Protein backbone atom coordinates (compact mmCIF):
# COMPACT_ATOMS: atom_id res chain seq x y z
CA MET A 1 2.30 11.86 -9.47
CA ASP A 2 0.57 8.50 -9.10
CA TRP A 3 -1.32 8.98 -5.84
CA THR A 4 -2.09 5.26 -5.56
CA ARG A 5 1.65 4.63 -5.23
CA TRP A 6 1.99 7.00 -2.29
CA LEU A 7 -1.06 5.82 -0.36
CA PRO A 8 0.70 2.66 0.90
CA PHE A 9 3.79 4.74 1.67
CA THR A 10 1.70 7.11 3.78
CA SER A 11 0.08 4.12 5.48
CA THR A 12 3.55 2.83 6.32
CA VAL A 13 4.56 6.15 7.89
CA VAL A 14 1.38 6.31 9.98
CA SER A 15 1.62 2.68 11.09
CA VAL A 16 5.32 3.03 12.02
CA ILE A 17 4.50 6.04 14.21
CA PHE A 18 1.59 4.07 15.68
CA THR A 19 3.89 1.11 16.36
CA ILE A 20 6.39 3.31 18.17
CA ALA A 21 3.63 4.79 20.34
CA VAL A 22 2.32 1.34 21.30
CA LEU A 23 5.79 -0.06 22.08
CA GLN A 24 6.68 3.02 24.11
CA ARG A 25 3.56 2.43 26.19
CA TYR A 26 4.56 -1.21 26.56
CA TYR A 27 7.99 -0.10 27.79
CA ARG A 28 6.32 2.04 30.45
CA ARG A 29 3.46 -0.28 31.47
CA ARG A 30 4.61 -3.81 30.49
CA GLY A 31 1.20 -5.10 29.42
CA LEU A 32 1.62 -8.12 27.13
CA TYR A 33 -1.35 -6.99 25.07
CA LEU A 34 0.65 -3.90 24.08
CA LEU A 35 3.58 -6.06 23.00
CA PHE A 36 1.40 -8.18 20.72
CA TRP A 37 -0.39 -5.13 19.33
CA GLY A 38 3.05 -3.73 18.58
CA LEU A 39 4.02 -6.94 16.78
CA GLY A 40 0.81 -6.83 14.76
CA LEU A 41 1.53 -3.24 13.76
CA VAL A 42 5.07 -4.16 12.70
CA LEU A 43 3.49 -6.73 10.37
CA TYR A 44 0.98 -4.12 9.15
CA SER A 45 3.83 -1.73 8.37
CA MET A 46 5.71 -4.50 6.60
CA GLY A 47 2.72 -5.22 4.37
CA THR A 48 2.05 -1.61 3.37
CA PHE A 49 5.74 -0.95 2.70
CA ALA A 50 5.88 -4.02 0.46
CA GLU A 51 2.90 -2.65 -1.50
CA PHE A 52 4.72 0.64 -1.99
CA TYR A 53 8.00 -1.03 -2.99
CA SER A 54 6.23 -3.29 -5.49
CA THR A 55 4.96 -0.33 -7.51
CA PHE A 56 8.58 0.09 -8.68
CA GLY A 57 9.30 -3.49 -9.69
CA TRP A 58 9.39 -7.16 -8.82
CA SER A 59 11.03 -8.73 -5.77
CA ALA A 60 10.18 -12.24 -4.64
CA LEU A 61 11.33 -11.38 -1.11
CA VAL A 62 9.13 -8.28 -0.98
CA PHE A 63 6.15 -10.21 -2.33
CA ARG A 64 6.57 -12.85 0.38
CA MET A 65 6.97 -10.06 2.93
CA TRP A 66 3.72 -8.53 1.71
CA TYR A 67 1.81 -11.77 1.92
CA ILE A 68 3.12 -12.68 5.37
CA GLY A 69 2.59 -9.20 6.81
CA GLY A 70 -0.27 -7.86 4.75
CA ALA A 71 -2.44 -10.90 4.13
CA LEU A 72 -1.53 -13.64 6.57
CA LEU A 73 -0.53 -12.62 10.10
CA THR A 74 -1.39 -9.00 10.91
CA ALA A 75 -4.99 -9.49 12.02
CA ALA A 76 -4.13 -12.62 14.02
CA TRP A 77 -1.43 -10.94 16.10
CA LEU A 78 -3.46 -7.78 16.67
CA GLY A 79 -6.27 -10.04 17.81
CA GLN A 80 -3.87 -11.89 20.12
CA GLY A 81 -3.12 -8.59 21.80
CA THR A 82 -6.84 -8.14 22.48
CA ILE A 83 -7.00 -11.65 23.93
CA TYR A 84 -4.33 -10.70 26.48
CA LEU A 85 -6.30 -7.57 27.33
CA LEU A 86 -9.67 -9.28 27.82
CA VAL A 87 -9.03 -12.90 28.78
CA ARG A 88 -7.88 -12.85 32.39
CA ARG A 89 -8.99 -16.26 33.66
CA GLY A 90 -6.58 -19.15 33.81
CA ASN A 91 -3.86 -19.51 31.20
CA TRP A 92 -6.09 -19.43 28.13
CA ALA A 93 -4.36 -16.37 26.67
CA HIS A 94 -1.01 -18.19 26.96
CA TYR A 95 -2.40 -21.37 25.41
CA LEU A 96 -3.84 -19.45 22.47
CA MET A 97 -0.57 -17.56 22.05
CA ILE A 98 1.43 -20.81 21.92
CA GLY A 99 -0.97 -22.20 19.34
CA LEU A 100 -0.71 -19.03 17.27
CA VAL A 101 3.09 -19.06 17.40
CA ILE A 102 3.20 -22.66 16.15
CA ALA A 103 0.62 -21.98 13.44
CA SER A 104 2.41 -18.78 12.36
CA VAL A 105 5.80 -20.48 12.06
CA LEU A 106 4.30 -23.29 9.99
CA ALA A 107 2.37 -20.87 7.76
CA VAL A 108 5.45 -18.70 7.17
CA GLY A 109 7.42 -21.82 6.23
CA VAL A 110 4.73 -22.83 3.79
CA MET A 111 4.72 -19.34 2.27
CA LEU A 112 8.50 -19.29 1.87
CA ALA A 113 8.30 -22.63 0.05
CA THR A 114 5.48 -21.54 -2.28
CA PRO A 115 6.65 -21.07 -5.89
CA LEU A 116 5.97 -17.67 -7.46
CA ASP A 117 5.40 -16.73 -11.10
CA GLU A 118 7.39 -13.55 -11.73
CA SER A 119 6.10 -13.33 -15.30
CA ALA A 120 2.58 -12.66 -14.00
CA PHE A 121 3.68 -9.57 -12.05
CA ASP A 122 2.57 -6.10 -13.20
CA PRO A 123 3.94 -3.11 -11.21
CA GLY A 124 0.94 -1.06 -12.27
CA VAL A 125 -1.50 -3.39 -10.51
CA GLY A 126 -1.90 -3.75 -6.75
CA LEU A 127 -0.53 -6.93 -5.21
CA SER A 128 -3.89 -7.72 -3.66
CA THR A 129 -5.39 -7.75 -7.16
CA GLN A 130 -2.78 -9.88 -8.91
CA TYR A 131 -1.47 -12.22 -6.21
CA LYS A 132 -3.74 -15.03 -7.42
CA GLN A 133 -1.90 -15.03 -10.74
CA ILE A 134 1.52 -14.93 -9.06
CA MET A 135 0.82 -17.78 -6.62
CA PRO A 136 -0.42 -21.28 -7.53
CA ALA A 137 -4.19 -21.61 -7.36
CA ASP A 138 -3.87 -24.57 -5.00
CA ALA A 139 -1.23 -22.99 -2.74
CA LEU A 140 -1.70 -24.28 0.81
CA VAL A 141 -0.93 -20.90 2.34
CA ARG A 142 -3.94 -19.40 0.56
CA ARG A 143 -6.16 -21.92 2.31
CA LEU A 144 -4.60 -21.12 5.68
CA THR A 145 -4.93 -17.35 5.37
CA PRO A 146 -8.70 -17.09 6.10
CA LEU A 147 -8.21 -19.02 9.35
CA PHE A 148 -5.71 -16.45 10.64
CA ASN A 149 -7.83 -13.52 9.48
CA VAL A 150 -11.06 -14.80 11.01
CA TYR A 151 -9.29 -15.54 14.30
CA GLY A 152 -7.76 -12.07 14.45
CA THR A 153 -10.73 -10.08 13.21
CA LEU A 154 -13.17 -11.72 15.60
CA TRP A 155 -10.98 -10.91 18.59
CA LEU A 156 -9.84 -7.46 17.49
CA VAL A 157 -13.16 -6.10 16.27
CA GLY A 158 -15.30 -8.14 18.65
CA GLY A 159 -13.12 -7.18 21.62
CA ALA A 160 -13.22 -3.50 20.73
CA VAL A 161 -16.99 -3.51 20.30
CA TYR A 162 -17.48 -5.43 23.55
CA SER A 163 -15.21 -3.06 25.49
CA ALA A 164 -16.96 -0.01 24.03
CA TRP A 165 -20.35 -1.45 25.02
CA VAL A 166 -19.21 -2.18 28.60
CA PHE A 167 -17.83 1.32 29.12
CA TRP A 168 -20.91 2.89 27.55
CA ARG A 169 -23.36 0.78 29.57
CA LYS A 170 -21.61 1.59 32.85
CA ARG A 171 -21.25 5.26 31.87
CA VAL A 172 -17.59 5.26 32.99
CA LEU A 173 -14.40 5.98 31.05
CA LEU A 174 -16.42 7.09 28.04
CA HIS A 175 -13.21 8.18 26.31
CA ARG A 176 -12.38 4.48 26.13
CA ALA A 177 -15.77 3.69 24.61
CA ILE A 178 -15.09 6.21 21.86
CA GLY A 179 -11.56 4.90 21.40
CA ASN A 180 -12.74 1.32 21.03
CA VAL A 181 -15.37 2.30 18.45
CA LEU A 182 -12.62 3.96 16.40
CA ILE A 183 -10.39 0.89 16.75
CA ALA A 184 -13.21 -1.40 15.58
CA ALA A 185 -13.92 0.84 12.59
CA GLY A 186 -10.23 1.01 11.74
CA ALA A 187 -9.87 -2.77 11.92
CA MET A 188 -12.82 -3.26 9.56
CA ALA A 189 -11.65 -0.74 6.95
CA PRO A 190 -8.87 -2.88 5.36
CA ALA A 191 -11.18 -5.91 5.34
CA ILE A 192 -13.73 -3.95 3.33
CA GLY A 193 -11.01 -2.61 1.04
CA GLY A 194 -9.69 -6.13 0.52
CA SER A 195 -13.12 -7.28 -0.61
CA LEU A 196 -13.29 -4.42 -3.11
CA SER A 197 -9.78 -5.18 -4.37
CA ARG A 198 -10.91 -8.62 -5.46
CA LEU A 199 -13.05 -6.76 -8.00
CA GLY A 200 -9.89 -5.15 -9.41
CA THR A 201 -10.03 -1.83 -7.56
CA SER A 202 -6.78 -1.93 -5.58
CA GLU A 203 -6.80 1.83 -5.01
CA PHE A 204 -9.68 1.32 -2.56
CA LEU A 205 -7.57 -1.16 -0.60
CA TYR A 206 -4.72 1.36 -0.34
CA LEU A 207 -7.14 4.03 0.85
CA SER A 208 -8.79 1.66 3.32
CA GLU A 209 -5.40 0.63 4.74
CA LEU A 210 -4.53 4.27 5.37
CA LEU A 211 -7.95 4.95 6.84
CA GLY A 212 -7.64 1.84 9.02
CA ALA A 213 -4.23 2.86 10.36
CA VAL A 214 -5.41 6.41 11.10
CA LEU A 215 -8.65 5.33 12.81
CA MET A 216 -6.93 2.69 14.96
CA PHE A 217 -4.22 5.16 15.94
CA LEU A 218 -6.79 7.80 16.87
CA GLY A 219 -8.74 5.19 18.79
CA PHE A 220 -5.63 4.12 20.68
CA LEU A 221 -4.80 7.73 21.56
CA ARG A 222 -8.38 8.42 22.66
CA ALA A 223 -8.61 5.26 24.77
CA THR A 224 -5.30 5.91 26.52
CA THR A 225 -5.81 9.62 27.19
CA PRO A 226 -5.93 10.24 30.97
CA MET A 227 -9.19 11.47 32.42
CA THR A 228 -9.53 15.21 32.94
CA ARG A 229 -9.38 16.65 36.44
CA LYS A 230 -13.12 17.23 36.58
CA ASN A 231 -13.63 13.47 36.17
CA ALA A 232 -10.96 12.53 38.72
CA SER A 233 -13.60 11.05 41.04
CA VAL A 234 -14.13 8.23 38.57
CA PRO A 235 -11.59 5.43 39.10
CA VAL A 236 -9.26 5.15 36.13
CA GLN A 237 -7.82 1.82 35.05
CA GLN A 238 -5.47 2.66 32.24
CA GLY A 239 -4.79 -0.06 29.69
């Protein structure tokens, strides 16, 4: 059995379960940050499933799905969720969300219009390794992608690290400090794997995506676990 084929499938299963958990919490608590985290995880799941599907053969639709979910928008929408969690003053979170919606729609339109070279596709090679041969070198969407990723990563990782530091410094809700550290580590894992994949080692990207999904899920569960009875004197503000 080709284990590299089943890594993205396993990542999809984990991220779908993670998505359901986040959206169930949104249904109970109605925090907009949970809704946008859920959307980001739907995109994450879409990207990993497209990687798995592509190991069996070519599909232009699946490739576009992979690029939109796996490369373009996931980090940005996860980061937007963190903005809604941390930015409470004025309407800045709403303004940034409107800007991201407009930018996302335009970027998706550009991606859908980008010509693809099916002849360059090899099912035995990870999409993150060969996408440069499939897409035009001067494709506009490739220039837009770093902007979305930097925006999302700064907010998601930076927000998690900042939250962990605040909880740790105040010595309150330490379970949330631990959870945020795990979330930050999980968010960084696919970025590191993506850098390695550019060297032609796509199996590291698949492993990092699975590791990222697992760490973020564990971090979410740790951060949202209610305080034990012995710590009941500490005020709890569940997110």
